[in-house]
Each structure stands twice: as C-alpha cells, then as structure tokens.
Amino acid sequence: MILGQILAAWIYSHFFEYIAHKYFLHNHKKFKFAFRNHFATHHKNSRKNEMYDEAYENMISSKFEVISLTIISVLHFPIFFFFPYAYLTLVYSLFMYYFLHKKSHTDVEWGKKWLPWHYDHHMGKNQHLNWGVRLPLFDYVFGTRVKTS
C-alpha cells in the first residue's frame, strides 16, 4: 500500500509537470494573467545565455516559481488525509523539480549532462517540445521527446 502510494504519486507528479509545463506555462496567450513572463523572460534569458538564467541564482528572483510550487502543494494537501505517503511524495517531487530546474539553469554543464532533455527544450530549434524537466517520461509517452543536443 505504501509503495503503491509512492509510485502513483511519482508518476502523477511527472504527468502534472508535463501538463503544467506544456499547457499553462507555454500557453501565455490564454493564461497571460499568471504566466505571461515565463516564456518571454525565462526562455529569452536561457536562449541568450546558452541555458544560464541568472534569476535562479537566488530564490527571490525565482519567486514566481516558488510561489507556484507552494500553491500546488497546498491545493494537493487534502490528499494527505487519505494517502499521506502519496502527498509526501508529491511535495518531494515539487522540491526536486525546483532544485533540478534551478541547478540546470545555474550550472549549465551539469544540466547538459544530467537533464539533456531540458537543455533540448530551451536550446533546441523548437522550444515547444521536451516538456519534462525531471525526466522525459511523458515526452516519450506522447511523442514530444526530440533529441537536439
């Protein structure tokens, strides 16, 4: 039962990351009230600086991302009462998302080596591919993983 909760939450967290990244963060015309700066700022900085984005040098500069991840954890909190290990896995996944995303944009060589799919997302010809940050799990499922590096 515990392992099932952990596995289900881990898979769900990758699916949620894929969907949020593809349909909310990059759909800035539809969701401009919340995400208008993501593509314009983060992707522009990453492209201009070979993946490096100085906004990730401190948590204050990446406050939008920190606040968003905190809201996601709060919205999922009711799960804790029924599936506590699933909720803890989700919170851990949110933390790891932030840590890995930040690391990939502050230590570019590390990012190229350990998250090449995310490097491809930013530096490839088409930035509307390779939606997974931690793993390209659902990019393979949905056929959106394209290797460019």
Foldseek 3Di string as FASTA:
>chain_A
DLVVLLVVLLVVLQVVQLCCQQPPQPVCVVNVVQRVVNCVPQLVQCQVPVLADCLLVDCVSVVSLVVVLVVVLVVCVVVCVVRVSSSVSNNVSSVVLSVQSSCCRHVVVVCCVQPVLVSCCRHPPHVSASRGGNDSVVCVVVVRRDHDD
